[in-house]
Amino acid sequence: MADSIITLTTDFGEGSSYVAAMKGVILAINPAARIVDLSHQIPPQDLRYTAFFIASAIPYFPFGAIHVVVVDPGVGTERAILYVEVNGHRLLVPDNGCWTTLIYEAAPRVIRLTEPRYWREPVSATFHGRDVFAPVAGHLSLALDPAKLGAVANDWVRLSLPAPRREASSVYGEVLFVDRFGNLITNIPAEQLPPPAQPFRVQIGAVEATRRVQSYGQAEPGALVALVSSAGLLEIAVNQGNAADRLGIGVGTPVHVRSSE
């Protein structure tokens, strides 16, 4: 376990001294730990973005890796810090629901961190990432029994992402996520779209997209297209362009899909 994988996801920004401090704490406890940066560019305090991001990334890691997620608008309050085992993955997260999109099979094991012997002292009221998350991750990577971290939690905050709804031959949803290319990822899954051979129209804000492709390269540069994203969700994109900037829309924009026949 000495070379356990520990991933870090934060909203601290690239090149942040906060990230460097967390890494230092982990390596002081376990110099052989393999630290992997997932992202430090999560929009500040954006829990919905965090939930989408980790649900899209963590399932592809080896079981047993330790995933530290510090997007924590409640730092310094009474909110808990949790150790979670869900679908073979292990996480250290604030109790703000950011991880609950990962619950899709067995019930998770959740422990509320209450044992300070595995924390740094003193614990800053504003930097639990350094003083609680990082040292606990370091100890876990050395095969610490999670049961020693605190008591089992039977209740925790759940974050509910908006769900699409169907009415007759239409599906209504919204933009859930905007990636760094400006692609607009909606909450409408591929299985709720008309069959591939059937044309459909997508109303997104005040704009309509009618061209359906399987990949960006099937359209000329600058074309506005609809396709199924790698996450299995309806995506609106501009080939070799930025759909969010071009259309002037973002997260929360309504989306209406209907057959064009």
Protein backbone atom coordinates (compact mmCIF):
# COMPACT_ATOMS: atom_id res chain seq x y z
CA MET A 1 0.00 0.00 0.00
CA ALA A 2 3.02 2.33 0.35
CA ASP A 3 2.76 3.40 -3.30
CA SER A 4 -1.01 3.94 -3.22
CA ILE A 5 -2.53 6.32 -5.72
CA ILE A 6 -3.88 9.53 -4.17
CA THR A 7 -5.75 11.88 -6.50
CA LEU A 8 -6.43 15.53 -5.82
CA THR A 9 -9.39 17.56 -7.09
CA THR A 10 -9.75 21.15 -5.89
CA ASP A 11 -10.85 24.63 -6.88
CA PHE A 12 -7.50 26.09 -5.75
CA GLY A 13 -6.14 26.87 -9.26
CA GLU A 14 -3.07 25.63 -11.07
CA GLY A 15 0.24 26.54 -9.46
CA SER A 16 -1.46 27.09 -6.11
CA SER A 17 0.61 27.02 -2.95
CA TYR A 18 -2.41 25.38 -1.30
CA VAL A 19 -2.06 22.34 -3.56
CA ALA A 20 1.68 22.25 -2.93
CA ALA A 21 1.10 22.28 0.83
CA MET A 22 -1.34 19.36 0.60
CA LYS A 23 1.19 17.36 -1.42
CA GLY A 24 3.88 18.14 1.13
CA VAL A 25 1.73 16.87 4.00
CA ILE A 26 0.92 13.65 2.14
CA LEU A 27 4.54 12.96 1.19
CA ALA A 28 5.77 13.70 4.71
CA ILE A 29 3.57 10.81 5.88
CA ASN A 30 4.12 8.51 2.89
CA PRO A 31 7.05 9.47 0.65
CA ALA A 32 6.13 6.66 -1.76
CA ALA A 33 2.59 7.86 -2.41
CA ARG A 34 1.71 8.41 -6.06
CA ILE A 35 -0.11 11.75 -6.20
CA VAL A 36 -2.21 12.40 -9.30
CA ASP A 37 -3.72 15.82 -10.02
CA LEU A 38 -7.19 15.38 -11.51
CA SER A 39 -7.98 19.10 -11.66
CA HIS A 40 -7.40 22.25 -9.67
CA GLN A 41 -9.46 24.31 -12.08
CA ILE A 42 -12.91 23.49 -10.70
CA PRO A 43 -14.86 26.78 -10.68
CA PRO A 44 -14.74 28.14 -7.11
CA GLN A 45 -17.34 26.55 -4.80
CA ASP A 46 -19.18 25.00 -7.78
CA LEU A 47 -20.57 21.75 -6.40
CA ARG A 48 -22.57 20.80 -9.51
CA TYR A 49 -19.46 21.12 -11.67
CA THR A 50 -17.52 19.08 -9.10
CA ALA A 51 -20.16 16.34 -9.07
CA PHE A 52 -20.17 16.06 -12.86
CA PHE A 53 -16.37 16.12 -13.01
CA ILE A 54 -15.69 13.38 -10.48
CA ALA A 55 -18.53 11.19 -11.78
CA SER A 56 -16.89 11.42 -15.22
CA ALA A 57 -13.36 10.69 -13.99
CA ILE A 58 -13.20 8.55 -10.86
CA PRO A 59 -14.91 5.40 -12.24
CA TYR A 60 -11.94 4.89 -14.59
CA PHE A 61 -9.35 4.67 -11.81
CA PRO A 62 -8.19 1.41 -10.22
CA PHE A 63 -10.26 0.27 -7.27
CA GLY A 64 -8.66 1.25 -3.99
CA ALA A 65 -7.22 4.58 -5.12
CA ILE A 66 -7.81 7.40 -2.64
CA HIS A 67 -9.60 10.41 -4.14
CA VAL A 68 -9.31 13.67 -2.20
CA VAL A 69 -11.91 16.25 -3.24
CA VAL A 70 -11.62 19.72 -1.71
CA VAL A 71 -14.30 21.97 -3.15
CA ASP A 72 -15.61 23.17 0.13
CA PRO A 73 -17.74 26.30 0.52
CA GLY A 74 -18.57 25.14 4.06
CA VAL A 75 -15.00 25.01 5.36
CA GLY A 76 -14.81 26.23 8.94
CA THR A 77 -18.47 25.49 9.65
CA GLU A 78 -20.07 22.48 11.30
CA ARG A 79 -20.15 20.52 8.01
CA ALA A 80 -18.56 17.09 8.35
CA ILE A 81 -15.67 15.57 6.44
CA LEU A 82 -16.41 12.08 5.15
CA TYR A 83 -14.52 8.97 4.19
CA VAL A 84 -16.58 7.17 1.53
CA GLU A 85 -16.33 3.78 -0.15
CA VAL A 86 -18.64 3.62 -3.16
CA ASN A 87 -18.58 1.12 -6.03
CA GLY A 88 -15.02 0.09 -5.21
CA HIS A 89 -13.67 3.63 -4.96
CA ARG A 90 -12.46 5.49 -1.87
CA LEU A 91 -12.94 9.22 -1.33
CA LEU A 92 -12.29 11.92 1.23
CA VAL A 93 -14.89 14.64 0.69
CA PRO A 94 -16.72 17.45 2.47
CA ASP A 95 -20.27 16.52 3.41
CA ASN A 96 -21.78 18.73 0.71
CA GLY A 97 -23.06 16.09 -1.69
CA CYS A 98 -20.35 16.49 -4.32
CA TRP A 99 -19.71 12.74 -4.41
CA THR A 100 -23.27 11.42 -4.41
CA THR A 101 -23.53 11.18 -8.22
CA LEU A 102 -21.30 8.12 -7.83
CA ILE A 103 -24.03 6.16 -6.03
CA TYR A 104 -25.50 3.84 -8.65
CA GLU A 105 -24.97 0.28 -7.42
CA ALA A 106 -24.38 -0.88 -3.86
CA ALA A 107 -25.00 1.38 -0.88
CA PRO A 108 -21.88 3.33 0.10
CA ARG A 109 -19.92 2.95 3.30
CA VAL A 110 -19.61 6.38 4.90
CA ILE A 111 -17.54 7.34 7.95
CA ARG A 112 -17.56 10.78 9.54
CA LEU A 113 -14.03 11.91 10.40
CA THR A 114 -13.86 12.64 14.12
CA GLU A 115 -10.49 11.22 15.21
CA PRO A 116 -7.96 14.09 15.39
CA ARG A 117 -4.93 11.86 15.92
CA TYR A 118 -4.68 11.59 12.11
CA TRP A 119 -4.91 15.35 11.52
CA ARG A 120 -2.28 18.08 11.60
CA GLU A 121 -2.23 20.36 14.60
CA PRO A 122 -3.35 23.03 14.84
CA VAL A 123 -6.21 22.70 12.36
CA SER A 124 -6.80 25.90 10.43
CA ALA A 125 -10.42 27.03 10.24
CA THR A 126 -9.92 27.86 6.57
CA PHE A 127 -7.62 25.11 5.25
CA HIS A 128 -8.94 21.66 6.10
CA GLY A 129 -7.43 20.41 2.82
CA ARG A 130 -3.96 20.71 4.33
CA ASP A 131 -4.77 19.91 7.94
CA VAL A 132 -7.39 17.14 7.71
CA PHE A 133 -7.88 15.78 4.17
CA ALA A 134 -4.18 15.49 3.25
CA PRO A 135 -2.89 13.83 6.43
CA VAL A 136 -5.81 11.39 6.52
CA ALA A 137 -5.12 10.48 2.88
CA GLY A 138 -1.48 9.89 3.75
CA HIS A 139 -2.36 7.57 6.62
CA LEU A 140 -4.92 5.70 4.52
CA SER A 141 -2.27 5.13 1.86
CA LEU A 142 -0.25 3.30 4.54
CA ALA A 143 -3.15 0.87 5.10
CA LEU A 144 -4.80 2.62 8.03
CA ASP A 145 -8.10 0.92 8.86
CA PRO A 146 -10.79 3.48 7.93
CA ALA A 147 -12.83 2.39 10.95
CA LYS A 148 -10.28 4.26 13.08
CA LEU A 149 -11.21 7.57 11.48
CA GLY A 150 -14.57 7.91 13.21
CA ALA A 151 -18.09 6.55 13.41
CA VAL A 152 -20.24 5.21 10.60
CA ALA A 153 -22.53 7.92 9.18
CA ASN A 154 -26.03 6.91 8.18
CA ASP A 155 -27.07 10.31 6.90
CA TRP A 156 -25.27 12.73 4.62
CA VAL A 157 -25.97 15.58 2.22
CA ARG A 158 -27.12 14.55 -1.24
CA LEU A 159 -26.63 16.74 -4.28
CA SER A 160 -29.42 16.38 -6.81
CA LEU A 161 -28.59 17.22 -10.39
CA PRO A 162 -31.55 18.32 -12.52
CA ALA A 163 -33.28 15.48 -14.34
CA PRO A 164 -34.75 15.71 -17.85
CA ARG A 165 -38.48 15.23 -18.35
CA ARG A 166 -40.45 13.77 -21.26
CA GLU A 167 -43.69 15.18 -22.56
CA ALA A 168 -45.28 13.41 -25.55
CA SER A 169 -42.61 13.36 -28.28
CA SER A 170 -40.42 16.00 -26.62
CA VAL A 171 -37.68 15.88 -24.00
CA TYR A 172 -36.90 18.90 -21.85
CA GLY A 173 -33.60 19.35 -20.07
CA GLU A 174 -30.86 21.89 -19.50
CA VAL A 175 -27.17 22.51 -19.92
CA LEU A 176 -25.41 20.71 -17.09
CA PHE A 177 -21.76 21.38 -17.84
CA VAL A 178 -19.56 23.48 -20.12
CA ASP A 179 -16.16 21.96 -20.87
CA ARG A 180 -13.00 23.93 -21.61
CA PHE A 181 -13.72 23.79 -25.34
CA GLY A 182 -17.08 25.50 -24.83
CA ASN A 183 -19.05 22.35 -25.61
CA LEU A 184 -22.46 22.35 -23.93
CA ILE A 185 -23.18 19.07 -22.16
CA THR A 186 -26.84 18.61 -21.31
CA ASN A 187 -28.56 16.33 -18.81
CA ILE A 188 -30.41 14.43 -21.57
CA PRO A 189 -29.05 10.87 -21.94
CA ALA A 190 -28.59 9.29 -25.35
CA GLU A 191 -31.35 6.74 -24.72
CA GLN A 192 -33.92 9.54 -24.51
CA LEU A 193 -33.04 10.87 -27.97
CA PRO A 194 -34.82 9.79 -31.15
CA PRO A 195 -33.16 6.86 -32.98
CA PRO A 196 -30.00 7.77 -34.94
CA ALA A 197 -31.77 7.57 -38.29
CA GLN A 198 -34.54 9.94 -37.17
CA PRO A 199 -33.89 13.69 -37.53
CA PHE A 200 -34.49 15.88 -34.50
CA ARG A 201 -34.24 19.52 -33.54
CA VAL A 202 -32.62 20.89 -30.42
CA GLN A 203 -33.78 24.24 -29.09
CA ILE A 204 -31.12 25.56 -26.76
CA GLY A 205 -31.93 28.98 -25.43
CA ALA A 206 -32.99 31.04 -28.45
CA VAL A 207 -30.96 28.95 -30.91
CA GLU A 208 -31.94 25.80 -32.80
CA ALA A 209 -29.49 23.03 -33.73
CA THR A 210 -30.69 20.61 -36.40
CA ARG A 211 -27.51 18.88 -37.53
CA ARG A 212 -26.82 15.55 -35.84
CA VAL A 213 -23.37 13.95 -36.08
CA GLN A 214 -21.47 11.14 -34.41
CA SER A 215 -18.21 13.06 -34.14
CA TYR A 216 -16.97 16.63 -34.61
CA GLY A 217 -15.05 15.71 -37.75
CA GLN A 218 -18.25 14.89 -39.60
CA ALA A 219 -19.00 18.63 -39.81
CA GLU A 220 -17.09 21.50 -41.37
CA PRO A 221 -15.30 23.96 -39.08
CA GLY A 222 -17.71 26.41 -37.51
CA ALA A 223 -20.77 24.16 -37.88
CA LEU A 224 -23.21 23.97 -34.97
CA VAL A 225 -23.94 20.31 -34.25
CA ALA A 226 -25.69 17.99 -31.82
CA LEU A 227 -24.05 14.72 -30.81
CA VAL A 228 -23.74 12.25 -27.96
CA SER A 229 -20.84 13.12 -25.68
CA SER A 230 -18.31 10.67 -24.28
CA ALA A 231 -20.39 10.74 -21.08
CA GLY A 232 -23.42 9.46 -23.00
CA LEU A 233 -25.28 12.78 -22.88
CA LEU A 234 -26.61 15.11 -25.55
CA GLU A 235 -23.99 17.71 -26.41
CA ILE A 236 -24.21 20.88 -28.48
CA ALA A 237 -20.90 21.92 -30.03
CA VAL A 238 -19.29 24.08 -32.67
CA ASN A 239 -16.70 22.13 -34.63
CA GLN A 240 -13.32 23.75 -33.95
CA GLY A 241 -15.13 26.55 -32.15
CA ASN A 242 -16.67 27.47 -28.81
CA ALA A 243 -20.43 26.92 -28.58
CA ALA A 244 -20.79 28.62 -25.20
CA ASP A 245 -19.15 31.82 -26.46
CA ARG A 246 -20.85 31.80 -29.85
CA LEU A 247 -24.33 31.24 -28.46
CA GLY A 248 -23.82 33.27 -25.30
CA ILE A 249 -25.28 30.58 -23.06
CA GLY A 250 -24.07 28.35 -20.26
CA VAL A 251 -25.06 26.11 -17.38
CA GLY A 252 -28.79 26.07 -16.67
CA THR A 253 -29.89 27.10 -20.17
CA PRO A 254 -33.10 25.21 -21.10
CA VAL A 255 -32.88 22.54 -23.81
CA HIS A 256 -35.83 21.16 -25.81
CA VAL A 257 -35.43 18.12 -28.06
CA ARG A 258 -38.18 17.17 -30.50
CA SER A 259 -38.49 15.08 -33.62
CA SER A 260 -38.30 17.09 -36.84
CA GLU A 261 -40.58 14.68 -38.70
